[in-house]
Protein backbone atom coordinates (compact mmCIF):
# COMPACT_ATOMS: atom_id res chain seq x y z
CA MET A 1 31.74 -107.53 -20.85
CA THR A 2 32.44 -104.96 -23.54
CA LEU A 3 35.06 -102.25 -23.92
CA ALA A 4 34.88 -99.50 -26.50
CA THR A 5 37.62 -96.93 -27.04
CA ARG A 6 37.93 -93.84 -29.20
CA ALA A 7 40.77 -93.87 -31.71
CA LYS A 8 41.29 -91.70 -34.78
CA GLY A 9 38.07 -89.82 -34.09
CA ARG A 10 35.73 -92.81 -33.89
CA TRP A 11 34.54 -95.24 -31.23
CA THR A 12 35.61 -98.84 -31.73
CA ARG A 13 34.53 -101.88 -29.73
CA ILE A 14 37.70 -103.83 -28.99
CA LEU A 15 36.13 -106.32 -26.58
CA ASP A 16 32.69 -107.90 -26.64
CA THR A 17 32.56 -111.35 -25.07
CA ARG A 18 28.94 -111.79 -26.22
CA VAL A 19 30.08 -112.14 -29.84
CA GLY A 20 33.75 -113.11 -29.51
CA THR A 21 35.38 -109.74 -30.21
CA GLY A 22 38.71 -109.57 -28.40
CA LEU A 23 38.06 -112.73 -26.38
CA SER A 24 36.15 -115.81 -27.46
CA ARG A 25 34.00 -116.40 -24.38
CA PRO A 26 32.51 -114.54 -21.40
CA PHE A 27 34.50 -113.97 -18.23
CA GLY A 28 34.40 -116.69 -15.59
CA GLN A 29 34.25 -116.02 -11.88
CA MET A 30 37.56 -114.56 -10.61
CA ALA A 31 39.43 -115.74 -13.73
CA PRO A 32 41.66 -112.88 -14.95
CA ARG A 33 42.15 -112.58 -18.69
CA ALA A 34 44.19 -110.32 -20.94
CA PHE A 35 43.34 -109.06 -24.41
CA ALA A 36 45.10 -106.95 -27.03
CA VAL A 37 44.36 -103.23 -27.09
CA ALA A 38 47.40 -101.64 -28.74
CA GLY A 39 47.17 -102.14 -32.49
CA VAL A 40 43.43 -102.98 -32.39
CA GLY A 41 40.60 -100.85 -33.76
CA GLY A 42 42.75 -97.85 -34.56
CA VAL A 43 44.60 -97.76 -31.24
CA PRO A 44 48.27 -97.11 -32.09
CA ALA A 45 50.35 -100.30 -32.01
CA THR A 46 53.37 -98.65 -30.36
CA GLN A 47 53.92 -96.14 -27.56
CA THR A 48 50.37 -96.55 -26.23
CA LEU A 49 50.52 -96.32 -22.45
CA GLY A 50 46.79 -96.36 -21.74
CA VAL A 51 43.32 -95.87 -23.13
CA THR A 52 40.13 -94.01 -22.37
CA GLY A 53 37.01 -96.01 -23.00
CA ASN A 54 33.61 -97.24 -21.96
CA LEU A 55 33.32 -100.48 -19.97
CA THR A 56 29.92 -102.20 -20.05
CA VAL A 57 28.72 -105.25 -18.12
CA THR A 58 25.59 -106.99 -19.37
CA GLY A 59 24.11 -110.47 -19.15
CA GLN A 60 26.05 -111.50 -16.04
CA THR A 61 24.82 -114.48 -14.03
CA THR A 62 25.62 -112.99 -10.60
CA GLY A 63 25.91 -109.58 -9.09
CA GLY A 64 29.48 -108.44 -8.73
CA TYR A 65 32.11 -106.11 -10.06
CA ALA A 66 34.55 -105.78 -12.94
CA PHE A 67 38.13 -104.60 -12.84
CA PRO A 68 40.22 -103.66 -15.89
CA GLY A 69 43.88 -102.78 -15.49
CA PRO A 70 47.38 -103.38 -16.78
CA THR A 71 47.29 -106.71 -14.98
CA ALA A 72 44.33 -108.36 -13.31
CA THR A 73 44.33 -110.65 -10.31
CA PRO A 74 41.55 -113.02 -9.21
CA SER A 75 40.69 -110.69 -6.32
CA PRO A 76 41.58 -107.09 -7.25
CA SER A 77 41.78 -104.44 -4.54
CA THR A 78 39.50 -102.06 -6.43
CA SER A 79 36.46 -102.27 -8.67
CA THR A 80 35.65 -100.14 -11.68
CA ILE A 81 32.01 -100.98 -12.07
CA ASN A 82 29.63 -102.62 -9.59
CA VAL A 83 26.63 -104.43 -11.04
CA PRO A 84 23.68 -106.05 -9.28
CA LEU A 85 22.26 -109.20 -10.83
CA GLY A 86 20.00 -108.52 -13.79
CA ASP A 87 21.24 -104.99 -14.44
CA ASN A 88 23.24 -103.55 -17.33
CA ARG A 89 25.86 -100.97 -16.34
CA ALA A 90 28.43 -98.88 -18.18
CA ASP A 91 31.17 -96.60 -16.92
CA GLY A 92 33.93 -94.50 -18.44
CA ILE A 93 37.47 -95.65 -17.77
CA ASP A 94 41.00 -94.30 -18.09
CA VAL A 95 43.36 -97.20 -17.69
CA GLY A 96 47.02 -98.03 -18.25
CA LEU A 97 48.06 -100.93 -20.46
CA ALA A 98 50.59 -103.67 -19.73
CA GLY A 99 53.98 -103.32 -21.40
CA ASP A 100 52.91 -105.60 -24.25
CA GLY A 101 49.87 -103.42 -25.08
CA THR A 102 47.31 -105.70 -23.44
CA LEU A 103 44.69 -104.94 -20.85
CA GLY A 104 43.81 -107.35 -18.07
CA ALA A 105 40.28 -107.74 -16.74
CA VAL A 106 38.44 -109.85 -14.20
CA TRP A 107 34.83 -110.38 -13.10
CA VAL A 108 34.29 -110.94 -9.39
CA GLY A 109 30.80 -112.27 -8.77
CA THR A 110 29.29 -111.86 -5.35
CA SER A 111 26.33 -113.21 -3.49
CA LEU A 112 24.59 -109.99 -2.58
CA SER A 113 22.16 -111.76 -0.28
CA SER A 114 24.90 -112.95 2.07
CA THR A 115 27.14 -109.93 2.59
CA THR A 116 25.44 -106.86 1.14
CA ALA A 117 22.14 -105.20 1.91
CA MET A 118 20.75 -103.35 -1.07
CA ILE A 119 18.80 -100.32 0.17
CA GLU A 120 16.71 -98.16 -2.13
CA PRO A 121 18.15 -94.61 -1.96
CA GLY A 122 15.89 -92.16 -0.15
CA ASN A 123 13.56 -94.88 1.16
CA PRO A 124 13.56 -94.83 4.98
CA ALA A 125 11.13 -97.79 5.14
CA ASP A 126 13.59 -99.92 3.16
CA LEU A 127 16.44 -98.85 5.45
CA ALA A 128 14.35 -99.75 8.49
CA LEU A 129 13.53 -103.15 6.99
CA GLN A 130 17.23 -103.94 6.42
CA ILE A 131 18.11 -102.90 9.98
CA GLU A 132 15.28 -105.05 11.33
CA ARG A 133 16.61 -108.05 9.35
CA LEU A 134 20.06 -107.56 10.87
CA VAL A 135 18.64 -107.33 14.40
CA ASP A 136 16.43 -110.41 13.94
CA ASP A 137 19.00 -112.67 12.22
CA PRO A 138 22.32 -113.27 14.05
CA GLY A 139 23.70 -115.24 11.08
CA ARG A 140 23.06 -112.37 8.69
CA ARG A 141 24.57 -109.91 11.18
CA LEU A 142 27.71 -112.06 11.46
CA ALA A 143 28.00 -112.35 7.66
CA HIS A 144 27.71 -108.59 7.24
CA THR A 145 30.21 -107.90 10.01
CA SER A 146 32.86 -110.29 8.66
CA GLY A 147 32.21 -109.18 5.08
CA ALA A 148 32.64 -105.53 6.06
CA GLY A 149 35.94 -106.28 7.80
CA THR A 150 37.26 -108.08 4.73
CA PHE A 151 36.13 -105.25 2.45
CA VAL A 152 37.81 -102.60 4.61
CA ARG A 153 41.10 -104.54 4.67
CA GLU A 154 41.09 -105.20 0.91
CA HIS A 155 40.02 -101.68 -0.10
CA SER A 156 42.01 -99.52 2.30
CA TRP A 157 44.07 -96.64 0.95
CA ASP A 158 47.24 -98.27 2.30
CA HIS A 159 46.50 -101.30 0.14
CA ASP A 160 45.32 -99.42 -2.99
CA SER A 161 48.03 -96.75 -2.88
CA ARG A 162 50.70 -99.37 -3.70
CA ASP A 163 48.88 -100.21 -6.95
CA TYR A 164 48.51 -96.55 -7.92
CA LEU A 165 52.16 -95.74 -7.15
CA ALA A 166 53.36 -98.76 -9.14
CA LEU A 167 51.28 -97.63 -12.14
CA LEU A 168 52.61 -94.07 -11.92
CA GLU A 169 56.19 -95.32 -11.71
CA ARG A 170 55.70 -97.60 -14.72
CA LEU A 171 54.13 -94.80 -16.77
CA SER A 172 56.97 -92.43 -15.83
CA ARG A 173 59.60 -94.98 -16.91
CA LYS A 174 57.84 -95.52 -20.25
CA LYS A 175 57.56 -91.78 -20.86
CA GLU A 176 61.26 -91.27 -20.06
CA ALA A 177 62.23 -94.15 -22.34
CA ALA A 178 60.14 -92.71 -25.19
CA THR A 179 61.87 -89.31 -25.03
């Protein structure tokens, strides 16, 4: 996983687990980690509430998703970037930092074959094939049904809104304290 941010007019890579920048080893499955952002690579050391950057996932051993945030949990309620196995993906992020200037991140690997059907966009034959597999395989149908229920519960607005409101409240308190 890599994270680059723009500070003082230039892009700086502040995390690259492939070469030990920011953290010494790649992310493990559902193992949250924190790394310094404030004071690194030109990012101001004080009064930095958040950063804008580019998050890249490459070389992962499973499909899954990454989550960066002020704090990371083993099973976050949202994902920032979703990556199938064998693909390299990047996405822009705007994210708040923890009070100590660190950013938390976690990789959540998934077994796409058990709970997700990957369908080629715009390909009705592929869609038909996936539907046929669900009809023909009760075990697959059950896995998809239970996986969908879990996903809906964990990614509902009621659940996610608490995280967003907590971040807004924390940022407001920091801004008030700085003035």
